[in-house]
Amino acid sequence: MNLKIVLAGPQGTGKTNIANFLSGHCDKLISDTYTPTVGVRILELETQMKGIQDTINIELWDSSGDHQ
């Protein structure tokens, strides 16, 4: 099963923090530093869920909040 999740919203609202937490790149949801995302950052991960036989392939798209 393939999933694509796009995180979109205004700049500085925590989209990258959520993406990092969901992908396992950090163990807490809140970060002390702010570095804006440039363009789109795509994270790919695989997971298993209870009751589903197939591996779930996830593309997590972390988009910039800058409208330019």
Protein backbone atom coordinates (compact mmCIF):
# COMPACT_ATOMS: atom_id res chain seq x y z
CA MET A 1 0.00 0.00 0.00
CA ASN A 2 1.33 3.46 -0.90
CA LEU A 3 0.43 6.69 0.88
CA LYS A 4 1.41 10.27 0.16
CA ILE A 5 0.94 12.79 2.96
CA VAL A 6 1.45 16.50 2.27
CA LEU A 7 2.03 18.89 5.16
CA ALA A 8 0.98 22.38 4.08
CA GLY A 9 0.35 25.55 6.02
CA PRO A 10 1.75 28.95 6.98
CA GLN A 11 5.44 29.48 7.68
CA GLY A 12 6.58 28.74 11.23
CA THR A 13 3.65 26.51 12.25
CA GLY A 14 5.61 23.29 12.91
CA LYS A 15 5.20 21.28 9.70
CA THR A 16 8.85 20.20 9.72
CA ASN A 17 8.68 19.26 13.41
CA ILE A 18 5.67 17.03 12.68
CA ALA A 19 7.41 15.47 9.65
CA ASN A 20 10.57 14.77 11.69
CA PHE A 21 8.56 13.23 14.53
CA LEU A 22 6.45 11.00 12.25
CA SER A 23 9.50 9.79 10.32
CA GLY A 24 11.49 9.03 13.46
CA HIS A 25 14.17 11.70 12.90
CA CYS A 26 13.54 13.09 16.41
CA ASP A 27 11.96 11.83 19.60
CA LYS A 28 10.11 14.99 20.61
CA LEU A 29 7.62 17.12 18.76
CA ILE A 30 8.90 20.55 19.84
CA SER A 31 12.27 21.93 18.70
CA ASP A 32 14.29 24.79 20.16
CA THR A 33 15.58 25.95 16.77
CA TYR A 34 13.83 27.28 13.67
CA THR A 35 15.18 26.65 10.19
CA PRO A 36 12.70 27.33 7.36
CA THR A 37 12.18 24.61 4.76
CA VAL A 38 13.19 25.63 1.24
CA GLY A 39 10.83 24.24 -1.41
CA VAL A 40 9.66 20.73 -0.55
CA ARG A 41 11.39 18.07 1.54
CA ILE A 42 10.27 14.49 0.82
CA LEU A 43 10.76 11.81 3.46
CA GLU A 44 10.20 8.16 2.56
CA LEU A 45 9.46 5.50 5.15
CA GLU A 46 8.01 2.01 5.45
CA THR A 47 5.83 0.72 8.26
CA GLN A 48 3.60 -2.17 9.23
CA MET A 49 0.19 -1.82 10.86
CA LYS A 50 -1.73 -4.29 12.94
CA GLY A 51 -4.26 -6.18 10.87
CA ILE A 52 -2.71 -5.20 7.50
CA GLN A 53 -0.53 -7.79 5.76
CA ASP A 54 1.17 -5.41 3.31
CA THR A 55 4.02 -3.04 4.05
CA ILE A 56 2.88 0.57 3.93
CA ASN A 57 5.17 2.85 1.90
CA ILE A 58 4.75 6.48 2.93
CA GLU A 59 5.94 9.62 1.13
CA LEU A 60 5.79 12.48 3.61
CA TRP A 61 5.98 15.84 1.82
CA ASP A 62 7.12 18.71 4.04
CA SER A 63 6.34 21.88 2.08
CA SER A 64 7.64 25.39 2.65
CA GLY A 65 5.20 27.84 4.17
CA ASP A 66 6.73 30.66 2.12
CA HIS A 67 4.30 31.48 -0.71
CA GLN A 68 7.18 32.51 -3.00
